[in-house]
Amino acid sequence: MIKLLIGSFSGIFIFVSMAIIYYWRDIQYDPSSIDLIGYFILLPAVLSLIMLSPYLTYQAYQHQKKRKETQQQMQLQQQKLNHLEQEKNNIKAETIQWLTLKIFSSFAVSALGENESIFEQMKNFRSPELDGNLTNAYGLPVLSYRITALDDDLQQSQYDDDIDLDNARILRIKALIQQQLEQQTEVLWQVAEHLKRSALFYDAEFAYQYRIHPAWDTLNDEKIDQYEDFEPLVEPVSRLNYLNIHVLLADNLLDIWDESASREMLFQFMQSLGIISQKIQIKYHFIAQQSSYQNWLNLLGQIATQPDEISLVMNVDSEIDQAWLDEQMWGTEHYLAAEFASSWCVSAQDTQINHIDVIRMLKVALNADDLSSFFHQMITNPVTQTEQSDPFILILDDATDLKSIKKTTQTFARTSVDTHHFLYPKQSFGHTQSLAKIFSFMLGMHLPEEFTAMIYSTDQASTHAFFQTDIE
């Protein structure tokens, strides 16, 4: 275009200049400097613009048309990008998997106390105590998180000269399991009643087993002798097929744990409540520290898909054992041993148990990268809860791990949560960490009822768990 302008101006300039020069020569005109500028510069320029105006107008029109088309294309591209982004977000929302479980009862015990009192001690930074029954290589007492109340129950066995001290850890774990069973007795008795009524209503074979069971208390002696001809009044109930007992133990117990003896003890306890052995399924889980949280989530996912069953989950560990401590101190001089136990009676969302109330609902979001997209939906009163100063989020990671802290901060950055709402239980279990994350998770049941408690760990950064008190 520039070439066209220069060429047009040059041609007109030559033509006009020749005409004016010949004209001025004929009339012998003496031009001034203004005449020279006007006739030799301005006049060719004006004539060039007049001659090129149709072309320039056409070019301006084409340029404007092309700019509009470009804008429209950019708008279409932006709309496509927005649509793809929206589809991507929808796909993410659809891939979030929710686990919903009912929790009927919960009990937890550690050296810090029981249930809610454990949190009070954690917030007060309760330190381990000097343990006179555990010593280091120099014969000096060491620190530990010992449940001292457990010593009274074990006094006759643990300190008996005929008892091998190598069994001290096993004895303490068995005592903790027995304690958890006793704490769950009331709920288990209701479960036993429901299992019995469900068998009578749905399954003739198991109904016969219940009628001849020693704990069958609805028949008198005369009817027991004539049970074949006796037809009890059967009331309709929701179906309940099994009581699943999950015992979670540290993987370092795999080679020394007497599974058959423990299984027999559990059967005897349950049968004393009136549950026949055919209705009991016992499974032991030996869990390593590195995979404990993933194994726990897998177990919750399994329970959530069993609507006709109820589960008793017991998570127990103890390292209060001199022989075990001696082994660990070879690698860690200041090894800090601890012990703890927790249990739940838990089921899938659709499970119904007569005469048992649900105390909390557990909702676990899996594959959820953006916590802010549903955080306020899960919290009953988000403004009230985040404005108060008490912690309601249990962080299962190490409070001294800067990388984990940074990742946790990024996860909660777009929520209204502050750092004082976090509580880190990990340090309250010393070096006994195989099942510590699972214990901390289960302990979340005992956060104040007016709050929606939350559990988070960077081990599973896309997983978020909520304990809700509003039972729908």
Protein backbone atom coordinates (compact mmCIF):
# COMPACT_ATOMS: atom_id res chain seq x y z
CA MET A 1 0.00 0.00 0.00
CA ILE A 2 2.89 2.36 0.74
CA LYS A 3 4.35 1.66 -2.68
CA LEU A 4 1.01 2.53 -4.26
CA LEU A 5 0.84 5.85 -2.39
CA ILE A 6 4.44 6.77 -3.29
CA GLY A 7 3.97 5.78 -6.92
CA SER A 8 0.71 7.75 -7.25
CA PHE A 9 2.19 10.80 -5.59
CA SER A 10 5.33 10.59 -7.79
CA GLY A 11 3.34 10.32 -11.04
CA ILE A 12 1.02 13.20 -10.19
CA PHE A 13 3.96 15.27 -8.93
CA ILE A 14 5.81 14.87 -12.26
CA PHE A 15 2.72 15.62 -14.33
CA VAL A 16 1.68 18.68 -12.26
CA SER A 17 5.25 19.98 -12.07
CA MET A 18 5.73 19.85 -15.87
CA ALA A 19 2.42 21.56 -16.52
CA ILE A 20 3.07 24.36 -14.01
CA ILE A 21 6.65 24.92 -15.17
CA TYR A 22 5.59 25.28 -18.81
CA TYR A 23 2.71 27.51 -17.82
CA TRP A 24 4.87 29.77 -15.64
CA ARG A 25 7.50 29.98 -18.38
CA ASP A 26 4.96 31.10 -20.94
CA ILE A 27 3.58 33.83 -18.70
CA GLN A 28 7.02 34.62 -17.25
CA TYR A 29 5.71 34.26 -13.73
CA ASP A 30 8.11 34.62 -10.76
CA PRO A 31 6.78 32.24 -8.07
CA SER A 32 7.34 32.77 -4.36
CA SER A 33 8.35 30.09 -1.86
CA ILE A 34 4.73 29.68 -0.82
CA ASP A 35 3.75 29.11 -4.45
CA LEU A 36 6.43 26.45 -4.79
CA ILE A 37 5.21 24.57 -1.66
CA GLY A 38 1.56 24.90 -2.65
CA TYR A 39 1.88 23.83 -6.29
CA PHE A 40 4.69 21.30 -6.07
CA ILE A 41 3.83 19.55 -2.72
CA LEU A 42 0.32 20.27 -1.50
CA LEU A 43 -1.41 20.12 -4.86
CA PRO A 44 0.11 16.70 -5.86
CA ALA A 45 -0.71 15.36 -2.40
CA VAL A 46 -4.37 16.51 -2.59
CA LEU A 47 -4.79 15.15 -6.09
CA SER A 48 -3.24 11.83 -5.01
CA LEU A 49 -5.69 11.51 -2.09
CA ILE A 50 -8.65 12.37 -4.32
CA MET A 51 -7.62 9.82 -6.88
CA LEU A 52 -6.94 7.10 -4.28
CA SER A 53 -9.94 7.81 -2.01
CA PRO A 54 -12.14 5.01 -3.49
CA TYR A 55 -9.33 2.52 -2.99
CA LEU A 56 -8.54 3.75 0.54
CA THR A 57 -12.24 3.60 1.43
CA TYR A 58 -12.46 0.02 0.16
CA GLN A 59 -9.34 -0.97 2.10
CA ALA A 60 -10.72 0.59 5.32
CA TYR A 61 -13.97 -1.30 4.86
CA GLN A 62 -12.12 -4.59 4.35
CA HIS A 63 -9.97 -3.96 7.40
CA GLN A 64 -13.02 -3.25 9.57
CA LYS A 65 -14.74 -6.36 8.28
CA LYS A 66 -11.68 -8.49 8.96
CA ARG A 67 -11.37 -7.11 12.51
CA LYS A 68 -14.99 -8.00 13.28
CA GLU A 69 -14.46 -11.50 11.96
CA THR A 70 -11.34 -11.86 14.11
CA GLN A 71 -13.25 -10.71 17.21
CA GLN A 72 -16.02 -13.19 16.51
CA GLN A 73 -13.51 -16.00 16.13
CA MET A 74 -11.86 -15.05 19.40
CA GLN A 75 -15.24 -15.01 21.14
CA LEU A 76 -16.05 -18.44 19.73
CA GLN A 77 -12.70 -19.79 20.87
CA GLN A 78 -13.22 -18.34 24.36
CA GLN A 79 -16.68 -19.90 24.52
CA LYS A 80 -15.20 -23.26 23.51
CA LEU A 81 -12.51 -22.93 26.18
CA ASN A 82 -15.12 -22.02 28.81
CA HIS A 83 -17.24 -24.97 27.73
CA LEU A 84 -14.29 -27.35 27.94
CA GLU A 85 -13.36 -25.99 31.37
CA GLN A 86 -16.93 -26.42 32.56
CA GLU A 87 -17.02 -29.98 31.24
CA LYS A 88 -13.72 -30.64 32.98
CA ASN A 89 -15.12 -29.35 36.27
CA ASN A 90 -18.26 -31.42 35.80
CA ILE A 91 -16.16 -34.52 35.19
CA LYS A 92 -14.22 -33.79 38.37
CA ALA A 93 -17.45 -33.37 40.30
CA GLU A 94 -18.77 -36.63 38.89
CA THR A 95 -15.59 -38.52 39.80
CA ILE A 96 -15.87 -37.57 43.47
CA GLN A 97 -16.87 -40.71 45.30
CA TRP A 98 -18.75 -40.40 48.57
CA LEU A 99 -18.70 -42.99 51.34
CA THR A 100 -21.52 -42.61 53.86
CA LEU A 101 -21.56 -44.68 57.05
CA LYS A 102 -23.57 -44.81 60.25
CA ILE A 103 -21.72 -44.90 63.57
CA PHE A 104 -23.74 -46.35 66.46
CA SER A 105 -21.10 -46.30 69.19
CA SER A 106 -17.51 -45.29 69.74
CA PHE A 107 -14.93 -45.66 72.47
CA ALA A 108 -11.28 -44.65 72.63
CA VAL A 109 -8.63 -44.91 75.32
CA SER A 110 -4.97 -43.92 75.53
CA ALA A 111 -2.51 -42.73 78.13
CA LEU A 112 -4.16 -39.29 77.86
CA GLY A 113 -7.54 -40.56 79.01
CA GLU A 114 -10.78 -41.68 77.40
CA ASN A 115 -12.85 -40.19 74.58
CA GLU A 116 -13.29 -36.39 74.94
CA SER A 117 -10.69 -36.07 77.72
CA ILE A 118 -7.98 -37.12 75.24
CA PHE A 119 -8.49 -33.90 73.28
CA GLU A 120 -8.23 -31.79 76.40
CA GLN A 121 -4.87 -33.35 77.20
CA MET A 122 -3.69 -32.89 73.60
CA LYS A 123 -4.60 -29.21 73.63
CA ASN A 124 -2.70 -28.87 76.91
CA PHE A 125 0.35 -30.57 75.29
CA ARG A 126 0.37 -33.46 77.74
CA SER A 127 3.87 -34.94 77.79
CA PRO A 128 4.86 -38.60 78.37
CA GLU A 129 5.59 -39.72 81.90
CA LEU A 130 8.57 -41.48 83.42
CA ASP A 131 7.87 -45.21 83.37
CA GLY A 132 9.42 -47.08 86.27
CA ASN A 133 8.72 -50.45 84.64
CA LEU A 134 10.60 -49.70 81.42
CA THR A 135 14.33 -49.02 81.35
CA ASN A 136 17.01 -48.19 78.81
CA ALA A 137 20.35 -49.92 78.25
CA TYR A 138 21.75 -48.22 81.37
CA GLY A 139 18.94 -49.45 83.61
CA LEU A 140 17.38 -45.99 83.88
CA PRO A 141 13.60 -45.43 83.59
CA VAL A 142 12.39 -44.10 80.25
CA LEU A 143 9.41 -42.01 79.17
CA SER A 144 6.29 -43.69 77.79
CA TYR A 145 2.60 -43.24 77.14
CA ARG A 146 1.39 -46.07 79.40
CA ILE A 147 -2.28 -46.62 80.27
CA THR A 148 -1.75 -47.06 84.01
CA ALA A 149 -5.31 -48.25 84.63
CA LEU A 150 -4.54 -51.32 82.53
CA ASP A 151 -1.82 -52.41 84.96
CA ASP A 152 -4.38 -53.26 87.64
CA ASP A 153 -6.12 -55.71 85.30
CA LEU A 154 -2.83 -57.34 84.40
CA GLN A 155 -1.16 -57.32 87.80
CA GLN A 156 -1.71 -61.01 88.47
CA SER A 157 -0.49 -62.12 85.05
CA GLN A 158 2.05 -59.62 83.82
CA TYR A 159 4.16 -59.58 86.97
CA ASP A 160 3.81 -63.26 87.79
CA ASP A 161 7.21 -64.95 87.74
CA ASP A 162 5.74 -67.79 85.71
CA ILE A 163 4.76 -65.46 82.88
CA ASP A 164 7.31 -64.83 80.14
CA LEU A 165 7.91 -61.09 79.90
CA ASP A 166 8.15 -61.48 76.12
CA ASN A 167 4.38 -61.90 76.19
CA ALA A 168 3.74 -58.62 78.00
CA ARG A 169 2.84 -56.77 74.80
CA ILE A 170 0.42 -59.50 73.69
CA LEU A 171 -1.21 -59.57 77.12
CA ARG A 172 -1.75 -55.84 77.11
CA ILE A 173 -3.25 -55.89 73.60
CA LYS A 174 -5.61 -58.71 74.57
CA ALA A 175 -6.65 -56.77 77.66
CA LEU A 176 -7.33 -53.69 75.53
CA ILE A 177 -9.44 -55.77 73.14
CA GLN A 178 -11.42 -57.16 76.08
CA GLN A 179 -11.93 -53.63 77.36
CA GLN A 180 -13.26 -52.49 74.00
CA LEU A 181 -15.69 -55.42 73.88
CA GLU A 182 -17.02 -54.54 77.31
CA GLN A 183 -17.49 -50.91 76.30
CA GLN A 184 -19.51 -52.01 73.25
CA THR A 185 -21.63 -54.58 75.15
CA GLU A 186 -24.84 -52.53 75.24
CA VAL A 187 -24.87 -51.93 71.49
CA LEU A 188 -23.75 -55.49 70.75
CA TRP A 189 -26.63 -56.86 72.81
CA GLN A 190 -29.07 -54.92 70.62
CA VAL A 191 -27.25 -56.20 67.55
CA ALA A 192 -27.59 -59.74 68.89
CA GLU A 193 -31.35 -59.25 69.32
CA HIS A 194 -31.72 -57.88 65.82
CA LEU A 195 -29.66 -60.70 64.31
CA LYS A 196 -31.88 -63.20 66.08
CA ARG A 197 -35.14 -61.61 64.94
CA SER A 198 -33.80 -61.21 61.41
CA ALA A 199 -32.90 -64.92 61.29
CA LEU A 200 -36.35 -65.91 62.56
CA PHE A 201 -38.05 -63.79 59.93
CA TYR A 202 -35.84 -64.42 56.88
CA ASP A 203 -33.94 -67.68 57.37
CA ALA A 204 -35.44 -70.93 58.65
CA GLU A 205 -32.06 -72.67 58.99
CA PHE A 206 -30.59 -70.00 61.25
CA ALA A 207 -33.89 -69.74 63.11
CA TYR A 208 -33.44 -73.36 64.16
CA GLN A 209 -29.88 -72.61 65.35
CA TYR A 210 -31.18 -69.77 67.50
CA ARG A 211 -33.90 -71.92 69.05
CA ILE A 212 -31.35 -74.40 70.32
CA HIS A 213 -28.82 -71.74 71.37
CA PRO A 214 -28.17 -71.55 75.14
CA ALA A 215 -28.80 -67.80 75.14
CA TRP A 216 -32.27 -68.19 73.58
CA ASP A 217 -34.32 -66.70 76.39
CA THR A 218 -37.80 -66.51 74.91
CA LEU A 219 -38.58 -70.20 75.55
CA ASN A 220 -39.18 -71.78 78.90
CA ASP A 221 -37.84 -75.20 79.81
CA GLU A 222 -40.96 -77.01 78.68
CA LYS A 223 -40.91 -75.33 75.26
CA ILE A 224 -37.21 -76.01 74.87
CA ASP A 225 -37.97 -79.71 75.12
CA GLN A 226 -40.63 -79.29 72.47
CA TYR A 227 -38.90 -76.71 70.24
CA GLU A 228 -39.60 -78.72 67.11
CA ASP A 229 -43.34 -78.12 67.49
CA PHE A 230 -43.06 -74.58 68.83
CA GLU A 231 -43.58 -71.64 66.46
CA PRO A 232 -42.61 -68.37 68.11
CA LEU A 233 -44.21 -65.06 67.19
CA VAL A 234 -42.06 -63.63 64.41
CA GLU A 235 -42.10 -59.89 63.91
CA PRO A 236 -40.90 -58.29 60.66
CA VAL A 237 -37.56 -56.48 60.97
CA SER A 238 -35.02 -55.11 58.54
CA ARG A 239 -32.65 -57.78 57.30
CA LEU A 240 -29.33 -58.19 59.11
CA ASN A 241 -27.16 -61.09 58.02
CA TYR A 242 -23.83 -60.81 59.83
CA LEU A 243 -21.81 -59.13 62.52
CA ASN A 244 -18.36 -58.49 61.05
CA ILE A 245 -15.53 -58.08 63.56
CA HIS A 246 -12.46 -56.32 62.18
CA VAL A 247 -9.40 -56.39 64.45
CA LEU A 248 -6.69 -53.96 63.36
CA LEU A 249 -3.19 -54.79 64.59
CA ALA A 250 0.33 -53.59 63.77
CA ASP A 251 2.10 -55.58 61.07
CA ASN A 252 5.00 -56.36 63.42
CA LEU A 253 2.60 -58.63 65.35
CA LEU A 254 1.95 -60.89 62.36
CA ASP A 255 4.44 -63.60 63.37
CA ILE A 256 3.64 -63.67 67.09
CA TRP A 257 -0.11 -63.12 67.27
CA ASP A 258 -2.13 -66.22 68.20
CA GLU A 259 -5.05 -65.72 65.85
CA SER A 260 -6.89 -68.91 66.78
CA ALA A 261 -6.89 -68.17 70.52
CA SER A 262 -8.01 -64.59 69.90
CA ARG A 263 -10.73 -65.76 67.54
CA GLU A 264 -11.99 -68.22 70.15
CA MET A 265 -12.14 -65.46 72.76
CA LEU A 266 -14.19 -63.28 70.42
CA PHE A 267 -16.57 -66.13 69.60
CA GLN A 268 -17.13 -66.87 73.28
CA PHE A 269 -17.85 -63.25 74.08
CA MET A 270 -20.33 -62.86 71.23
CA GLN A 271 -22.03 -66.16 71.96
CA SER A 272 -22.51 -65.04 75.56
CA LEU A 273 -24.64 -62.22 74.12
CA GLY A 274 -26.71 -64.68 72.12
CA ILE A 275 -25.05 -64.42 68.71
CA ILE A 276 -24.54 -67.76 67.01
CA SER A 277 -21.16 -68.40 65.41
CA GLN A 278 -22.69 -68.65 61.92
CA LYS A 279 -23.62 -64.99 62.15
CA ILE A 280 -20.11 -63.83 63.09
CA GLN A 281 -17.32 -63.08 60.61
CA ILE A 282 -13.93 -62.24 62.11
CA LYS A 283 -11.07 -60.75 60.13
CA TYR A 284 -7.64 -59.63 61.31
CA HIS A 285 -5.82 -56.80 59.54
CA PHE A 286 -2.07 -56.50 60.11
CA ILE A 287 -1.29 -52.96 59.01
CA ALA A 288 1.97 -51.20 58.22
CA GLN A 289 2.51 -47.55 59.05
CA GLN A 290 3.22 -46.52 55.44
CA SER A 291 -0.11 -47.85 54.15
CA SER A 292 -2.28 -47.54 57.26
CA TYR A 293 -4.45 -44.67 56.07
CA GLN A 294 -5.09 -46.22 52.65
CA ASN A 295 -5.94 -49.57 54.28
CA TRP A 296 -8.33 -47.80 56.61
CA LEU A 297 -10.12 -46.04 53.77
CA ASN A 298 -10.37 -49.36 51.91
CA LEU A 299 -12.00 -50.93 54.97
CA LEU A 300 -14.50 -48.07 55.26
CA GLY A 301 -15.29 -48.46 51.57
CA GLN A 302 -15.93 -52.17 52.11
CA ILE A 303 -18.25 -51.55 55.08
CA ALA A 304 -20.15 -48.88 53.12
CA THR A 305 -21.15 -51.53 50.54
CA GLN A 306 -22.61 -53.99 53.09
CA PRO A 307 -26.18 -52.79 53.78
CA ASP A 308 -27.29 -56.06 55.42
CA GLU A 309 -24.36 -56.28 57.84
CA ILE A 310 -22.92 -54.38 60.79
CA SER A 311 -19.26 -54.15 61.74
CA LEU A 312 -17.39 -53.92 65.00
CA VAL A 313 -14.00 -52.35 64.26
CA MET A 314 -11.31 -52.51 66.93
CA ASN A 315 -7.98 -50.73 66.46
CA VAL A 316 -5.48 -51.77 69.14
CA ASP A 317 -1.75 -51.39 69.67
CA SER A 318 0.68 -51.43 72.57
CA GLU A 319 4.46 -51.27 72.73
CA ILE A 320 4.65 -51.17 76.52
CA ASP A 321 6.95 -54.17 76.68
CA GLN A 322 10.55 -54.26 77.90
CA ALA A 323 11.63 -56.93 75.40
CA TRP A 324 10.14 -54.98 72.50
CA LEU A 325 11.64 -51.74 73.78
CA ASP A 326 15.11 -53.30 73.98
CA GLU A 327 14.88 -54.26 70.29
CA GLN A 328 13.77 -50.79 69.21
CA MET A 329 16.45 -48.97 71.19
CA TRP A 330 19.14 -50.54 69.02
CA GLY A 331 18.04 -48.18 66.27
CA THR A 332 16.48 -45.34 68.26
CA GLU A 333 18.08 -44.57 71.60
CA HIS A 334 15.21 -42.42 72.87
CA TYR A 335 12.38 -44.65 71.69
CA LEU A 336 9.03 -43.49 73.08
CA ALA A 337 6.55 -46.35 73.43
CA ALA A 338 2.79 -45.89 73.68
CA GLU A 339 -0.47 -47.83 73.74
CA PHE A 340 -4.02 -47.05 72.71
CA ALA A 341 -7.25 -48.67 71.57
CA SER A 342 -10.43 -47.56 69.84
CA SER A 343 -13.57 -49.21 68.53
CA TRP A 344 -16.67 -48.42 66.48
CA CYS A 345 -19.94 -50.12 65.77
CA VAL A 346 -20.44 -48.96 62.21
CA SER A 347 -22.52 -49.88 59.19
CA ALA A 348 -23.53 -48.80 55.71
CA GLN A 349 -25.94 -45.91 55.26
CA ASP A 350 -29.00 -48.09 54.63
CA THR A 351 -28.52 -50.46 57.56
CA GLN A 352 -31.26 -50.33 60.21
CA ILE A 353 -30.80 -51.72 63.73
CA ASN A 354 -33.70 -51.83 66.18
CA HIS A 355 -33.37 -49.77 69.37
CA ILE A 356 -29.98 -48.29 68.43
CA ASP A 357 -29.62 -44.63 67.60
CA VAL A 358 -27.03 -43.32 65.18
CA ILE A 359 -24.74 -40.95 67.05
CA ARG A 360 -22.96 -39.55 63.99
CA MET A 361 -22.80 -39.92 60.24
CA LEU A 362 -19.41 -40.31 58.61
CA LYS A 363 -19.08 -38.92 55.09
CA VAL A 364 -15.82 -39.41 53.21
CA ALA A 365 -15.12 -37.64 49.92
CA LEU A 366 -12.68 -39.53 47.68
CA ASN A 367 -10.95 -38.06 44.60
CA ALA A 368 -11.95 -34.54 45.69
CA ASP A 369 -9.17 -32.15 44.66
CA ASP A 370 -11.03 -28.90 45.39
CA LEU A 371 -12.11 -28.83 49.04
CA SER A 372 -13.61 -25.35 48.75
CA SER A 373 -16.25 -26.57 46.27
CA PHE A 374 -18.10 -28.54 48.97
CA PHE A 375 -16.59 -27.54 52.32
CA HIS A 376 -19.39 -25.17 53.35
CA GLN A 377 -22.02 -27.68 52.26
CA MET A 378 -20.65 -30.24 54.70
CA ILE A 379 -20.41 -27.85 57.66
CA THR A 380 -23.79 -27.28 59.32
CA ASN A 381 -23.04 -23.72 60.51
CA PRO A 382 -19.85 -22.73 58.65
CA VAL A 383 -19.75 -19.11 59.80
CA THR A 384 -20.31 -19.92 63.47
CA GLN A 385 -17.95 -22.86 63.44
CA THR A 386 -15.05 -21.09 61.73
CA GLU A 387 -15.38 -17.95 63.86
CA GLN A 388 -14.90 -19.82 67.13
CA SER A 389 -11.37 -20.66 68.32
CA ASP A 390 -11.59 -24.37 69.20
CA PRO A 391 -10.05 -26.93 66.81
CA PHE A 392 -12.41 -29.12 64.82
CA ILE A 393 -10.06 -30.51 62.14
CA LEU A 394 -7.73 -33.39 62.95
CA ILE A 395 -4.59 -33.35 60.81
CA LEU A 396 -3.04 -36.82 60.81
CA ASP A 397 0.40 -35.66 59.66
CA ASP A 398 3.49 -34.62 61.55
CA ALA A 399 3.20 -31.07 62.88
CA THR A 400 6.95 -30.56 62.32
CA ASP A 401 6.93 -31.59 58.65
CA LEU A 402 7.12 -28.29 56.76
CA LYS A 403 6.23 -29.91 53.45
CA SER A 404 3.02 -31.38 54.89
CA ILE A 405 2.14 -28.10 56.59
CA LYS A 406 2.56 -26.20 53.31
CA LYS A 407 0.38 -28.69 51.45
CA THR A 408 -2.29 -28.57 54.16
CA THR A 409 -2.30 -24.77 54.08
CA GLN A 410 -2.79 -24.81 50.31
CA THR A 411 -5.68 -27.27 50.61
CA PHE A 412 -7.57 -25.06 53.08
CA ALA A 413 -6.52 -21.75 51.50
CA ARG A 414 -9.88 -21.16 49.80
CA THR A 415 -11.93 -22.00 52.88
CA SER A 416 -12.57 -19.88 55.96
CA VAL A 417 -10.49 -22.18 58.16
CA ASP A 418 -7.56 -20.80 60.18
CA THR A 419 -4.56 -22.69 61.50
CA HIS A 420 -5.88 -22.60 65.09
CA HIS A 421 -8.70 -24.88 63.93
CA PHE A 422 -6.14 -27.66 63.33
CA LEU A 423 -5.17 -30.28 65.89
CA TYR A 424 -2.20 -32.61 65.32
CA PRO A 425 -2.51 -35.82 67.41
CA LYS A 426 0.56 -37.60 65.99
CA GLN A 427 3.01 -36.52 68.69
CA SER A 428 0.79 -38.01 71.43
CA PHE A 429 1.66 -41.58 70.35
CA GLY A 430 5.45 -41.38 70.47
CA HIS A 431 7.07 -43.87 68.11
CA THR A 432 4.07 -46.22 68.16
CA GLN A 433 2.83 -45.08 64.79
CA SER A 434 1.64 -48.17 62.87
CA LEU A 435 -2.01 -47.56 63.80
CA ALA A 436 -1.77 -43.98 65.11
CA LYS A 437 -3.46 -42.40 62.08
CA ILE A 438 -6.38 -44.82 62.30
CA PHE A 439 -6.73 -44.15 66.03
CA SER A 440 -6.71 -40.39 65.39
CA PHE A 441 -9.34 -40.79 62.69
CA MET A 442 -11.60 -42.79 65.00
CA LEU A 443 -10.95 -40.28 67.77
CA GLY A 444 -12.60 -37.63 65.61
CA MET A 445 -15.93 -39.07 66.79
CA HIS A 446 -15.31 -37.45 70.17
CA LEU A 447 -14.83 -33.87 69.05
CA PRO A 448 -17.59 -31.59 70.40
CA GLU A 449 -21.02 -32.54 69.07
CA GLU A 450 -21.91 -28.96 68.16
CA PHE A 451 -19.16 -29.06 65.51
CA THR A 452 -18.89 -30.92 62.24
CA ALA A 453 -15.54 -32.60 62.78
CA MET A 454 -13.17 -33.11 59.87
CA ILE A 455 -10.21 -35.41 59.19
CA TYR A 456 -7.41 -34.71 56.71
CA SER A 457 -4.02 -36.15 55.81
CA THR A 458 -1.60 -35.31 53.02
CA ASP A 459 -1.10 -39.06 52.58
CA GLN A 460 -4.44 -38.98 50.75
CA ALA A 461 -4.63 -35.31 49.78
CA SER A 462 -7.83 -35.79 47.74
CA THR A 463 -9.70 -37.46 50.62
CA HIS A 464 -11.73 -35.48 53.15
CA ALA A 465 -13.78 -37.00 55.99
CA PHE A 466 -16.60 -35.33 57.94
CA PHE A 467 -18.41 -36.41 61.13
CA GLN A 468 -21.90 -34.93 61.04
CA THR A 469 -24.24 -34.82 64.01
CA ASP A 470 -27.32 -33.89 61.96
CA ILE A 471 -28.75 -37.29 61.14
CA GLU A 472 -30.85 -37.12 58.02
